[in-house]
PDB file of all heavy atoms in Angstrom:
ATOM      1  N   SER A   1      23.537  30.250  -8.820  1.00  0.00           N
ATOM      2  CA  SER A   1      23.429  29.422 -10.015  1.00  0.00           C
ATOM      3  C   SER A   1      24.414  28.261 -10.027  1.00  0.00           C
ATOM      4  O   SER A   1      24.264  27.347 -10.842  1.00  0.00           O
ATOM      5  CB  SER A   1      23.620  30.274 -11.275  1.00  0.00           C
ATOM      6  OG  SER A   1      24.908  30.876 -11.291  1.00  0.00           O
ATOM      7  N   ASP A   2      25.396  28.267  -9.144  1.00  0.00           N
ATOM      8  CA  ASP A   2      26.376  27.190  -9.070  1.00  0.00           C
ATOM      9  C   ASP A   2      25.961  26.076  -8.112  1.00  0.00           C
ATOM     10  O   ASP A   2      26.723  25.128  -7.910  1.00  0.00           O
ATOM     11  CB  ASP A   2      27.738  27.726  -8.632  1.00  0.00           C
ATOM     12  CG  ASP A   2      28.375  28.626  -9.679  1.00  0.00           C
ATOM     13  OD1 ASP A   2      27.996  28.533 -10.864  1.00  0.00           O
ATOM     14  OD2 ASP A   2      29.251  29.420  -9.310  1.00  0.00           O
ATOM     15  N   TYR A   3      24.785  26.184  -7.526  1.00  0.00           N
ATOM     16  CA  TYR A   3      24.336  25.234  -6.523  1.00  0.00           C
ATOM     17  C   TYR A   3      23.075  24.516  -6.967  1.00  0.00           C
ATOM     18  O   TYR A   3      22.146  25.133  -7.507  1.00  0.00           O
ATOM     19  CB  TYR A   3      24.059  25.951  -5.194  1.00  0.00           C
ATOM     20  CG  TYR A   3      25.301  26.374  -4.449  1.00  0.00           C
ATOM     21  CD1 TYR A   3      26.021  27.485  -4.855  1.00  0.00           C
ATOM     22  CD2 TYR A   3      25.738  25.658  -3.342  1.00  0.00           C
ATOM     23  CE1 TYR A   3      27.166  27.872  -4.180  1.00  0.00           C
ATOM     24  CE2 TYR A   3      26.875  26.050  -2.657  1.00  0.00           C
ATOM     25  CZ  TYR A   3      27.581  27.151  -3.077  1.00  0.00           C
ATOM     26  OH  TYR A   3      28.707  27.534  -2.397  1.00  0.00           O
ATOM     27  N   ALA A   4      23.049  23.225  -6.714  1.00  0.00           N
ATOM     28  CA  ALA A   4      21.787  22.506  -6.783  1.00  0.00           C
ATOM     29  C   ALA A   4      20.942  22.880  -5.576  1.00  0.00           C
ATOM     30  O   ALA A   4      21.465  23.131  -4.490  1.00  0.00           O
ATOM     31  CB  ALA A   4      22.026  21.000  -6.818  1.00  0.00           C
ATOM     32  N   ILE A   5      19.647  22.922  -5.771  1.00  0.00           N
ATOM     33  CA  ILE A   5      18.712  23.251  -4.700  1.00  0.00           C
ATOM     34  C   ILE A   5      17.808  22.055  -4.450  1.00  0.00           C
ATOM     35  O   ILE A   5      17.256  21.478  -5.390  1.00  0.00           O
ATOM     36  CB  ILE A   5      17.864  24.484  -5.041  1.00  0.00           C
ATOM     37  CG1 ILE A   5      18.760  25.705  -5.308  1.00  0.00           C
ATOM     38  CG2 ILE A   5      16.880  24.772  -3.912  1.00  0.00           C
ATOM     39  CD1 ILE A   5      19.561  26.147  -4.104  1.00  0.00           C
ATOM     40  N   SER A   6      17.665  21.705  -3.196  1.00  0.00           N
ATOM     41  CA  SER A   6      16.754  20.638  -2.810  1.00  0.00           C
ATOM     42  C   SER A   6      15.802  21.141  -1.752  1.00  0.00           C
ATOM     43  O   SER A   6      16.137  22.016  -0.952  1.00  0.00           O
ATOM     44  CB  SER A   6      17.512  19.422  -2.262  1.00  0.00           C
ATOM     45  OG  SER A   6      18.308  18.807  -3.258  1.00  0.00           O
ATOM     46  N   TRP A   7      14.619  20.568  -1.753  1.00  0.00           N
ATOM     47  CA  TRP A   7      13.662  20.758  -0.670  1.00  0.00           C
ATOM     48  C   TRP A   7      13.535  19.450   0.099  1.00  0.00           C
ATOM     49  O   TRP A   7      13.351  18.381  -0.501  1.00  0.00           O
ATOM     50  CB  TRP A   7      12.292  21.180  -1.197  1.00  0.00           C
ATOM     51  CG  TRP A   7      12.220  22.600  -1.651  1.00  0.00           C
ATOM     52  CD1 TRP A   7      12.397  23.071  -2.908  1.00  0.00           C
ATOM     53  CD2 TRP A   7      11.931  23.735  -0.832  1.00  0.00           C
ATOM     54  NE1 TRP A   7      12.237  24.430  -2.939  1.00  0.00           N
ATOM     55  CE2 TRP A   7      11.951  24.872  -1.677  1.00  0.00           C
ATOM     56  CE3 TRP A   7      11.655  23.909   0.527  1.00  0.00           C
ATOM     57  CZ2 TRP A   7      11.712  26.153  -1.202  1.00  0.00           C
ATOM     58  CZ3 TRP A   7      11.418  25.187   1.000  1.00  0.00           C
ATOM     59  CH2 TRP A   7      11.447  26.292   0.138  1.00  0.00           C
ATOM     60  N   TYR A   8      13.641  19.550   1.401  1.00  0.00           N
ATOM     61  CA  TYR A   8      13.427  18.443   2.312  1.00  0.00           C
ATOM     62  C   TYR A   8      12.232  18.747   3.201  1.00  0.00           C
ATOM     63  O   TYR A   8      11.888  19.904   3.414  1.00  0.00           O
ATOM     64  CB  TYR A   8      14.641  18.224   3.222  1.00  0.00           C
ATOM     65  CG  TYR A   8      15.857  17.621   2.566  1.00  0.00           C
ATOM     66  CD1 TYR A   8      16.714  18.399   1.807  1.00  0.00           C
ATOM     67  CD2 TYR A   8      16.164  16.276   2.744  1.00  0.00           C
ATOM     68  CE1 TYR A   8      17.845  17.855   1.227  1.00  0.00           C
ATOM     69  CE2 TYR A   8      17.296  15.725   2.170  1.00  0.00           C
ATOM     70  CZ  TYR A   8      18.131  16.517   1.419  1.00  0.00           C
ATOM     71  OH  TYR A   8      19.257  15.968   0.853  1.00  0.00           O
ATOM     72  N   ARG A   9      11.654  17.710   3.734  1.00  0.00           N
ATOM     73  CA  ARG A   9      10.640  17.900   4.757  1.00  0.00           C
ATOM     74  C   ARG A   9      10.876  16.926   5.897  1.00  0.00           C
ATOM     75  O   ARG A   9      11.367  15.817   5.705  1.00  0.00           O
ATOM     76  CB  ARG A   9       9.227  17.739   4.201  1.00  0.00           C
ATOM     77  CG  ARG A   9       8.858  16.327   3.750  1.00  0.00           C
ATOM     78  CD  ARG A   9       7.493  16.337   3.085  1.00  0.00           C
ATOM     79  NE  ARG A   9       7.090  15.004   2.654  1.00  0.00           N
ATOM     80  CZ  ARG A   9       6.037  14.761   1.885  1.00  0.00           C
ATOM     81  NH1 ARG A   9       5.275  15.765   1.461  1.00  0.00           N
ATOM     82  NH2 ARG A   9       5.734  13.512   1.537  1.00  0.00           N
ATOM     83  N   ARG A  10      10.525  17.379   7.097  1.00  0.00           N
ATOM     84  CA  ARG A  10      10.560  16.549   8.280  1.00  0.00           C
ATOM     85  C   ARG A  10       9.145  16.465   8.826  1.00  0.00           C
ATOM     86  O   ARG A  10       8.528  17.487   9.138  1.00  0.00           O
ATOM     87  CB  ARG A  10      11.512  17.118   9.329  1.00  0.00           C
ATOM     88  CG  ARG A  10      11.710  16.192  10.523  1.00  0.00           C
ATOM     89  CD  ARG A  10      12.771  16.709  11.474  1.00  0.00           C
ATOM     90  NE  ARG A  10      14.094  16.740  10.857  1.00  0.00           N
ATOM     91  CZ  ARG A  10      14.907  15.694  10.756  1.00  0.00           C
ATOM     92  NH1 ARG A  10      14.536  14.510  11.222  1.00  0.00           N
ATOM     93  NH2 ARG A  10      16.090  15.840  10.186  1.00  0.00           N
ATOM     94  N   THR A  11       8.649  15.247   8.914  1.00  0.00           N
ATOM     95  CA  THR A  11       7.272  15.019   9.339  1.00  0.00           C
ATOM     96  C   THR A  11       7.172  15.109  10.849  1.00  0.00           C
ATOM     97  O   THR A  11       8.178  15.110  11.562  1.00  0.00           O
ATOM     98  CB  THR A  11       6.785  13.648   8.864  1.00  0.00           C
ATOM     99  OG1 THR A  11       7.491  12.627   9.576  1.00  0.00           O
ATOM    100  CG2 THR A  11       7.025  13.469   7.371  1.00  0.00           C
ATOM    101  N   PRO A  12       5.938  15.179  11.374  1.00  0.00           N
ATOM    102  CA  PRO A  12       5.778  15.157  12.831  1.00  0.00           C
ATOM    103  C   PRO A  12       6.404  13.940  13.487  1.00  0.00           C
ATOM    104  O   PRO A  12       6.756  14.007  14.667  1.00  0.00           O
ATOM    105  CB  PRO A  12       4.249  15.181  13.008  1.00  0.00           C
ATOM    106  CG  PRO A  12       3.745  15.882  11.792  1.00  0.00           C
ATOM    107  CD  PRO A  12       4.660  15.423  10.685  1.00  0.00           C
ATOM    108  N   GLY A  13       6.555  12.845  12.761  1.00  0.00           N
ATOM    109  CA  GLY A  13       7.240  11.672  13.278  1.00  0.00           C
ATOM    110  C   GLY A  13       8.744  11.745  13.172  1.00  0.00           C
ATOM    111  O   GLY A  13       9.417  10.743  13.421  1.00  0.00           O
ATOM    112  N   ASN A  14       9.267  12.880  12.788  1.00  0.00           N
ATOM    113  CA  ASN A  14      10.696  13.172  12.718  1.00  0.00           C
ATOM    114  C   ASN A  14      11.401  12.399  11.606  1.00  0.00           C
ATOM    115  O   ASN A  14      12.612  12.194  11.658  1.00  0.00           O
ATOM    116  CB  ASN A  14      11.392  12.917  14.054  1.00  0.00           C
ATOM    117  CG  ASN A  14      12.611  13.793  14.242  1.00  0.00           C
ATOM    118  OD1 ASN A  14      12.621  14.951  13.817  1.00  0.00           O
ATOM    119  ND2 ASN A  14      13.640  13.250  14.881  1.00  0.00           N
ATOM    120  N   GLN A  15      10.671  12.002  10.580  1.00  0.00           N
ATOM    121  CA  GLN A  15      11.268  11.400   9.404  1.00  0.00           C
ATOM    122  C   GLN A  15      11.613  12.493   8.397  1.00  0.00           C
ATOM    123  O   GLN A  15      10.800  13.393   8.141  1.00  0.00           O
ATOM    124  CB  GLN A  15      10.320  10.385   8.767  1.00  0.00           C
ATOM    125  CG  GLN A  15       9.975   9.221   9.673  1.00  0.00           C
ATOM    126  CD  GLN A  15      11.191   8.386   9.984  1.00  0.00           C
ATOM    127  OE1 GLN A  15      11.907   7.940   9.088  1.00  0.00           O
ATOM    128  NE2 GLN A  15      11.435   8.167  11.275  1.00  0.00           N
ATOM    129  N   ARG A  16      12.808  12.426   7.836  1.00  0.00           N
ATOM    130  CA  ARG A  16      13.244  13.409   6.860  1.00  0.00           C
ATOM    131  C   ARG A  16      13.237  12.792   5.464  1.00  0.00           C
ATOM    132  O   ARG A  16      13.737  11.681   5.264  1.00  0.00           O
ATOM    133  CB  ARG A  16      14.633  13.940   7.197  1.00  0.00           C
ATOM    134  CG  ARG A  16      15.038  15.135   6.343  1.00  0.00           C
ATOM    135  CD  ARG A  16      16.358  15.725   6.788  1.00  0.00           C
ATOM    136  NE  ARG A  16      17.471  14.857   6.462  1.00  0.00           N
ATOM    137  CZ  ARG A  16      18.738  15.120   6.766  1.00  0.00           C
ATOM    138  NH1 ARG A  16      19.041  16.245   7.419  1.00  0.00           N
ATOM    139  NH2 ARG A  16      19.686  14.265   6.428  1.00  0.00           N
ATOM    140  N   GLU A  17      12.708  13.528   4.521  1.00  0.00           N
ATOM    141  CA  GLU A  17      12.567  13.057   3.156  1.00  0.00           C
ATOM    142  C   GLU A  17      12.934  14.184   2.206  1.00  0.00           C
ATOM    143  O   GLU A  17      12.462  15.309   2.363  1.00  0.00           O
ATOM    144  CB  GLU A  17      11.128  12.594   2.895  1.00  0.00           C
ATOM    145  CG  GLU A  17      10.847  12.140   1.471  1.00  0.00           C
ATOM    146  CD  GLU A  17       9.388  11.803   1.237  1.00  0.00           C
ATOM    147  OE1 GLU A  17       8.524  12.365   1.947  1.00  0.00           O
ATOM    148  OE2 GLU A  17       9.107  10.967   0.355  1.00  0.00           O
ATOM    149  N   ARG A  18      13.755  13.882   1.214  1.00  0.00           N
ATOM    150  CA  ARG A  18      14.015  14.851   0.166  1.00  0.00           C
ATOM    151  C   ARG A  18      12.901  14.737  -0.872  1.00  0.00           C
ATOM    152  O   ARG A  18      12.723  13.683  -1.483  1.00  0.00           O
ATOM    153  CB  ARG A  18      15.382  14.634  -0.478  1.00  0.00           C
ATOM    154  CG  ARG A  18      15.702  15.683  -1.541  1.00  0.00           C
ATOM    155  CD  ARG A  18      17.180  15.853  -1.797  1.00  0.00           C
ATOM    156  NE  ARG A  18      17.808  14.662  -2.341  1.00  0.00           N
ATOM    157  CZ  ARG A  18      19.090  14.591  -2.672  1.00  0.00           C
ATOM    158  NH1 ARG A  18      19.889  15.648  -2.494  1.00  0.00           N
ATOM    159  NH2 ARG A  18      19.581  13.462  -3.158  1.00  0.00           N
ATOM    160  N   VAL A  19      12.183  15.813  -1.069  1.00  0.00           N
ATOM    161  CA  VAL A  19      11.000  15.755  -1.914  1.00  0.00           C
ATOM    162  C   VAL A  19      11.246  16.267  -3.322  1.00  0.00           C
ATOM    163  O   VAL A  19      10.523  15.875  -4.250  1.00  0.00           O
ATOM    164  CB  VAL A  19       9.810  16.502  -1.273  1.00  0.00           C
ATOM    165  CG1 VAL A  19       9.441  15.857   0.061  1.00  0.00           C
ATOM    166  CG2 VAL A  19      10.115  17.982  -1.096  1.00  0.00           C
ATOM    167  N   ALA A  20      12.247  17.134  -3.522  1.00  0.00           N
ATOM    168  CA  ALA A  20      12.468  17.701  -4.849  1.00  0.00           C
ATOM    169  C   ALA A  20      13.898  18.191  -4.976  1.00  0.00           C
ATOM    170  O   ALA A  20      14.497  18.649  -4.003  1.00  0.00           O
ATOM    171  CB  ALA A  20      11.503  18.852  -5.138  1.00  0.00           C
ATOM    172  N   ILE A  21      14.428  18.114  -6.196  1.00  0.00           N
ATOM    173  CA  ILE A  21      15.783  18.560  -6.501  1.00  0.00           C
ATOM    174  C   ILE A  21      15.754  19.367  -7.788  1.00  0.00           C
ATOM    175  O   ILE A  21      15.099  18.977  -8.764  1.00  0.00           O
ATOM    176  CB  ILE A  21      16.754  17.373  -6.688  1.00  0.00           C
ATOM    177  CG1 ILE A  21      16.696  16.414  -5.503  1.00  0.00           C
ATOM    178  CG2 ILE A  21      18.174  17.875  -6.915  1.00  0.00           C
ATOM    179  CD1 ILE A  21      17.408  15.102  -5.766  1.00  0.00           C
ATOM    180  N   SER A  22      16.477  20.466  -7.794  1.00  0.00           N
ATOM    181  CA  SER A  22      16.722  21.241  -9.001  1.00  0.00           C
ATOM    182  C   SER A  22      18.229  21.330  -9.193  1.00  0.00           C
ATOM    183  O   SER A  22      18.932  21.915  -8.368  1.00  0.00           O
ATOM    184  CB  SER A  22      16.108  22.638  -8.887  1.00  0.00           C
ATOM    185  OG  SER A  22      16.442  23.430 -10.016  1.00  0.00           O
ATOM    186  N   THR A  23      18.735  20.752 -10.276  1.00  0.00           N
ATOM    187  CA  THR A  23      20.169  20.706 -10.501  1.00  0.00           C
ATOM    188  C   THR A  23      20.664  21.972 -11.189  1.00  0.00           C
ATOM    189  O   THR A  23      19.895  22.757 -11.742  1.00  0.00           O
ATOM    190  CB  THR A  23      20.561  19.492 -11.349  1.00  0.00           C
ATOM    191  OG1 THR A  23      20.145  19.703 -12.702  1.00  0.00           O
ATOM    192  CG2 THR A  23      19.928  18.217 -10.813  1.00  0.00           C
ATOM    193  N   VAL A  24      21.982  22.137 -11.160  1.00  0.00           N
ATOM    194  CA  VAL A  24      22.596  23.256 -11.852  1.00  0.00           C
ATOM    195  C   VAL A  24      22.280  23.199 -13.347  1.00  0.00           C
ATOM    196  O   VAL A  24      22.080  24.233 -13.989  1.00  0.00           O
ATOM    197  CB  VAL A  24      24.115  23.261 -11.606  1.00  0.00           C
ATOM    198  CG1 VAL A  24      24.810  24.292 -12.489  1.00  0.00           C
ATOM    199  CG2 VAL A  24      24.415  23.537 -10.141  1.00  0.00           C
ATOM    200  N   GLY A  25      22.225  21.994 -13.897  1.00  0.00           N
ATOM    201  CA  GLY A  25      21.954  21.831 -15.308  1.00  0.00           C
ATOM    202  C   GLY A  25      20.508  21.982 -15.708  1.00  0.00           C
ATOM    203  O   GLY A  25      20.194  21.866 -16.900  1.00  0.00           O
ATOM    204  N   GLY A  26      19.622  22.205 -14.748  1.00  0.00           N
ATOM    205  CA  GLY A  26      18.229  22.456 -15.070  1.00  0.00           C
ATOM    206  C   GLY A  26      17.305  21.263 -14.965  1.00  0.00           C
ATOM    207  O   GLY A  26      16.120  21.378 -15.283  1.00  0.00           O
ATOM    208  N   SER A  27      17.809  20.125 -14.515  1.00  0.00           N
ATOM    209  CA  SER A  27      16.963  18.958 -14.338  1.00  0.00           C
ATOM    210  C   SER A  27      16.252  19.011 -12.999  1.00  0.00           C
ATOM    211  O   SER A  27      16.746  19.620 -12.045  1.00  0.00           O
ATOM    212  CB  SER A  27      17.784  17.673 -14.435  1.00  0.00           C
ATOM    213  OG  SER A  27      18.386  17.544 -15.711  1.00  0.00           O
ATOM    214  N   THR A  28      15.110  18.379 -12.928  1.00  0.00           N
ATOM    215  CA  THR A  28      14.351  18.291 -11.686  1.00  0.00           C
ATOM    216  C   THR A  28      14.009  16.845 -11.390  1.00  0.00           C
ATOM    217  O   THR A  28      13.820  16.030 -12.302  1.00  0.00           O
ATOM    218  CB  THR A  28      13.067  19.125 -11.751  1.00  0.00           C
ATOM    219  OG1 THR A  28      12.254  18.676 -12.844  1.00  0.00           O
ATOM    220  CG2 THR A  28      13.390  20.601 -11.942  1.00  0.00           C
ATOM    221  N   TYR A  29      13.915  16.537 -10.099  1.00  0.00           N
ATOM    222  CA  TYR A  29      13.602  15.197  -9.637  1.00  0.00           C
ATOM    223  C   TYR A  29      12.673  15.313  -8.447  1.00  0.00           C
ATOM    224  O   TYR A  29      12.754  16.264  -7.671  1.00  0.00           O
ATOM    225  CB  TYR A  29      14.875  14.434  -9.246  1.00  0.00           C
ATOM    226  CG  TYR A  29      15.886  14.345 -10.357  1.00  0.00           C
ATOM    227  CD1 TYR A  29      16.873  15.313 -10.496  1.00  0.00           C
ATOM    228  CD2 TYR A  29      15.847  13.305 -11.279  1.00  0.00           C
ATOM    229  CE1 TYR A  29      17.799  15.247 -11.525  1.00  0.00           C
ATOM    230  CE2 TYR A  29      16.770  13.237 -12.308  1.00  0.00           C
ATOM    231  CZ  TYR A  29      17.745  14.204 -12.429  1.00  0.00           C
ATOM    232  OH  TYR A  29      18.656  14.124 -13.455  1.00  0.00           O
ATOM    233  N   TYR A  30      11.813  14.312  -8.289  1.00  0.00           N
ATOM    234  CA  TYR A  30      10.818  14.336  -7.234  1.00  0.00           C
ATOM    235  C   TYR A  30      10.704  12.979  -6.567  1.00  0.00           C
ATOM    236  O   TYR A  30      10.846  11.935  -7.212  1.00  0.00           O
ATOM    237  CB  TYR A  30       9.449  14.727  -7.801  1.00  0.00           C
ATOM    238  CG  TYR A  30       9.443  16.083  -8.447  1.00  0.00           C
ATOM    239  CD1 TYR A  30       9.659  16.224  -9.809  1.00  0.00           C
ATOM    240  CD2 TYR A  30       9.228  17.226  -7.690  1.00  0.00           C
ATOM    241  CE1 TYR A  30       9.663  17.477 -10.403  1.00  0.00           C
ATOM    242  CE2 TYR A  30       9.229  18.477  -8.271  1.00  0.00           C
ATOM    243  CZ  TYR A  30       9.450  18.597  -9.631  1.00  0.00           C
ATOM    244  OH  TYR A  30       9.457  19.842 -10.215  1.00  0.00           O
ATOM    245  N   ALA A  31      10.447  13.029  -5.291  1.00  0.00           N
ATOM    246  CA  ALA A  31      10.110  11.809  -4.581  1.00  0.00           C
ATOM    247  C   ALA A  31       8.773  11.278  -5.078  1.00  0.00           C
ATOM    248  O   ALA A  31       7.887  12.047  -5.465  1.00  0.00           O
ATOM    249  CB  ALA A  31      10.044  12.067  -3.083  1.00  0.00           C
ATOM    250  N   ASP A  32       8.626   9.973  -5.067  1.00  0.00           N
ATOM    251  CA  ASP A  32       7.375   9.375  -5.527  1.00  0.00           C
ATOM    252  C   ASP A  32       6.174   9.899  -4.746  1.00  0.00           C
ATOM    253  O   ASP A  32       5.071  10.004  -5.288  1.00  0.00           O
ATOM    254  CB  ASP A  32       7.441   7.858  -5.413  1.00  0.00           C
ATOM    255  CG  ASP A  32       8.350   7.228  -6.450  1.00  0.00           C
ATOM    256  OD1 ASP A  32       8.660   7.882  -7.461  1.00  0.00           O
ATOM    257  OD2 ASP A  32       8.750   6.069  -6.243  1.00  0.00           O
ATOM    258  N   SER A  33       6.382  10.232  -3.497  1.00  0.00           N
ATOM    259  CA  SER A  33       5.289  10.669  -2.654  1.00  0.00           C
ATOM    260  C   SER A  33       4.696  12.010  -3.080  1.00  0.00           C
ATOM    261  O   SER A  33       3.566  12.325  -2.706  1.00  0.00           O
ATOM    262  CB  SER A  33       5.742  10.752  -1.194  1.00  0.00           C
ATOM    263  OG  SER A  33       6.866  11.606  -1.061  1.00  0.00           O
ATOM    264  N   VAL A  34       5.451  12.802  -3.847  1.00  0.00           N
ATOM    265  CA  VAL A  34       4.974  14.121  -4.252  1.00  0.00           C
ATOM    266  C   VAL A  34       4.914  14.292  -5.760  1.00  0.00           C
ATOM    267  O   VAL A  34       4.419  15.325  -6.240  1.00  0.00           O
ATOM    268  CB  VAL A  34       5.838  15.242  -3.650  1.00  0.00           C
ATOM    269  CG1 VAL A  34       5.958  15.080  -2.142  1.00  0.00           C
ATOM    270  CG2 VAL A  34       7.217  15.285  -4.303  1.00  0.00           C
ATOM    271  N   LYS A  35       5.380  13.333  -6.503  1.00  0.00           N
ATOM    272  CA  LYS A  35       5.436  13.448  -7.961  1.00  0.00           C
ATOM    273  C   LYS A  35       4.045  13.694  -8.535  1.00  0.00           C
ATOM    274  O   LYS A  35       3.082  13.024  -8.178  1.00  0.00           O
ATOM    275  CB  LYS A  35       6.047  12.185  -8.558  1.00  0.00           C
ATOM    276  CG  LYS A  35       6.411  12.298 -10.031  1.00  0.00           C
ATOM    277  CD  LYS A  35       7.165  11.046 -10.499  1.00  0.00           C
ATOM    278  CE  LYS A  35       8.462  10.872  -9.749  1.00  0.00           C
ATOM    279  NZ  LYS A  35       9.223   9.676 -10.203  1.00  0.00           N
ATOM    280  N   GLY A  36       3.976  14.670  -9.419  1.00  0.00           N
ATOM    281  CA  GLY A  36       2.712  15.044 -10.015  1.00  0.00           C
ATOM    282  C   GLY A  36       1.949  16.091  -9.245  1.00  0.00           C
ATOM    283  O   GLY A  36       0.975  16.649  -9.771  1.00  0.00           O
ATOM    284  N   ARG A  37       2.353  16.363  -8.007  1.00  0.00           N
ATOM    285  CA  ARG A  37       1.679  17.353  -7.175  1.00  0.00           C
ATOM    286  C   ARG A  37       2.567  18.547  -6.846  1.00  0.00           C
ATOM    287  O   ARG A  37       2.065  19.663  -6.684  1.00  0.00           O
ATOM    288  CB  ARG A  37       1.195  16.720  -5.873  1.00  0.00           C
ATOM    289  CG  ARG A  37       0.206  15.580  -6.079  1.00  0.00           C
ATOM    290  CD  ARG A  37      -0.380  15.099  -4.750  1.00  0.00           C
ATOM    291  NE  ARG A  37       0.645  14.566  -3.872  1.00  0.00           N
ATOM    292  CZ  ARG A  37       0.954  15.068  -2.676  1.00  0.00           C
ATOM    293  NH1 ARG A  37       0.291  16.126  -2.210  1.00  0.00           N
ATOM    294  NH2 ARG A  37       1.890  14.505  -1.935  1.00  0.00           N
ATOM    295  N   PHE A  38       3.873  18.326  -6.722  1.00  0.00           N
ATOM    296  CA  PHE A  38       4.818  19.380  -6.357  1.00  0.00           C
ATOM    297  C   PHE A  38       5.667  19.752  -7.566  1.00  0.00           C
ATOM    298  O   PHE A  38       5.995  18.895  -8.396  1.00  0.00           O
ATOM    299  CB  PHE A  38       5.753  18.923  -5.239  1.00  0.00           C
ATOM    300  CG  PHE A  38       5.117  18.772  -3.881  1.00  0.00           C
ATOM    301  CD1 PHE A  38       3.746  18.762  -3.708  1.00  0.00           C
ATOM    302  CD2 PHE A  38       5.925  18.631  -2.760  1.00  0.00           C
ATOM    303  CE1 PHE A  38       3.174  18.619  -2.460  1.00  0.00           C
ATOM    304  CE2 PHE A  38       5.375  18.487  -1.503  1.00  0.00           C
ATOM    305  CZ  PHE A  38       4.000  18.476  -1.343  1.00  0.00           C
ATOM    306  N   THR A  39       6.066  21.012  -7.633  1.00  0.00           N
ATOM    307  CA  THR A  39       6.952  21.493  -8.685  1.00  0.00           C
ATOM    308  C   THR A  39       8.029  22.373  -8.076  1.00  0.00           C
ATOM    309  O   THR A  39       7.719  23.342  -7.375  1.00  0.00           O
ATOM    310  CB  THR A  39       6.190  22.292  -9.752  1.00  0.00           C
ATOM    311  OG1 THR A  39       5.157  21.485 -10.326  1.00  0.00           O
ATOM    312  CG2 THR A  39       7.137  22.734 -10.864  1.00  0.00           C
ATOM    313  N   ILE A  40       9.286  22.041  -8.344  1.00  0.00           N
ATOM    314  CA  ILE A  40      10.396  22.873  -7.910  1.00  0.00           C
ATOM    315  C   ILE A  40      10.822  23.766  -9.069  1.00  0.00           C
ATOM    316  O   ILE A  40      10.832  23.342 -10.230  1.00  0.00           O
ATOM    317  CB  ILE A  40      11.580  22.026  -7.393  1.00  0.00           C
ATOM    318  CG1 ILE A  40      12.655  22.917  -6.766  1.00  0.00           C
ATOM    319  CG2 ILE A  40      12.166  21.149  -8.494  1.00  0.00           C
ATOM    320  CD1 ILE A  40      13.746  22.132  -6.039  1.00  0.00           C
ATOM    321  N   SER A  41      11.157  24.998  -8.766  1.00  0.00           N
ATOM    322  CA  SER A  41      11.637  25.926  -9.770  1.00  0.00           C
ATOM    323  C   SER A  41      12.637  26.873  -9.118  1.00  0.00           C
ATOM    324  O   SER A  41      12.766  26.911  -7.898  1.00  0.00           O
ATOM    325  CB  SER A  41      10.481  26.702 -10.419  1.00  0.00           C
ATOM    326  OG  SER A  41       9.785  27.472  -9.460  1.00  0.00           O
ATOM    327  N   ARG A  42      13.319  27.622  -9.950  1.00  0.00           N
ATOM    328  CA  ARG A  42      14.291  28.565  -9.415  1.00  0.00           C
ATOM    329  C   ARG A  42      14.398  29.773 -10.331  1.00  0.00           C
ATOM    330  O   ARG A  42      14.233  29.673 -11.551  1.00  0.00           O
ATOM    331  CB  ARG A  42      15.662  27.900  -9.241  1.00  0.00           C
ATOM    332  CG  ARG A  42      16.290  27.405 -10.535  1.00  0.00           C
ATOM    333  CD  ARG A  42      17.427  26.431 -10.263  1.00  0.00           C
ATOM    334  NE  ARG A  42      18.540  27.064  -9.577  1.00  0.00           N
ATOM    335  CZ  ARG A  42      19.548  26.399  -9.012  1.00  0.00           C
ATOM    336  NH1 ARG A  42      19.564  25.068  -9.035  1.00  0.00           N
ATOM    337  NH2 ARG A  42      20.528  27.064  -8.414  1.00  0.00           N
ATOM    338  N   ASP A  43      14.684  30.906  -9.726  1.00  0.00           N
ATOM    339  CA  ASP A  43      14.943  32.148 -10.438  1.00  0.00           C
ATOM    340  C   ASP A  43      16.327  32.595 -10.004  1.00  0.00           C
ATOM    341  O   ASP A  43      16.489  33.212  -8.948  1.00  0.00           O
ATOM    342  CB  ASP A  43      13.883  33.193 -10.112  1.00  0.00           C
ATOM    343  CG  ASP A  43      14.029  34.452 -10.947  1.00  0.00           C
ATOM    344  OD1 ASP A  43      15.122  34.715 -11.480  1.00  0.00           O
ATOM    345  OD2 ASP A  43      13.032  35.194 -11.068  1.00  0.00           O
ATOM    346  N   ASN A  44      17.320  32.266 -10.805  1.00  0.00           N
ATOM    347  CA  ASN A  44      18.693  32.553 -10.414  1.00  0.00           C
ATOM    348  C   ASN A  44      18.960  34.054 -10.287  1.00  0.00           C
ATOM    349  O   ASN A  44      19.785  34.471  -9.476  1.00  0.00           O
ATOM    350  CB  ASN A  44      19.665  31.928 -11.410  1.00  0.00           C
ATOM    351  CG  ASN A  44      19.716  30.420 -11.306  1.00  0.00           C
ATOM    352  OD1 ASN A  44      19.447  29.844 -10.258  1.00  0.00           O
ATOM    353  ND2 ASN A  44      20.075  29.761 -12.411  1.00  0.00           N
TER     354      ASN A  44
END
C-alpha cells in the first residue's frame, strides 16, 4: 500500500510505454493510447 503501481509494455519494436499508473492516494492515469480501454486497479 506504500507503493505506486504502474504497468508498462514493450512492443515487438522494443519501444517501452507506461500505460497506466495507480498512485498511493488512489488516483489513476492512463496513456492516451489506452485511455477508455484499459483500467488499472489494486487490492492492497
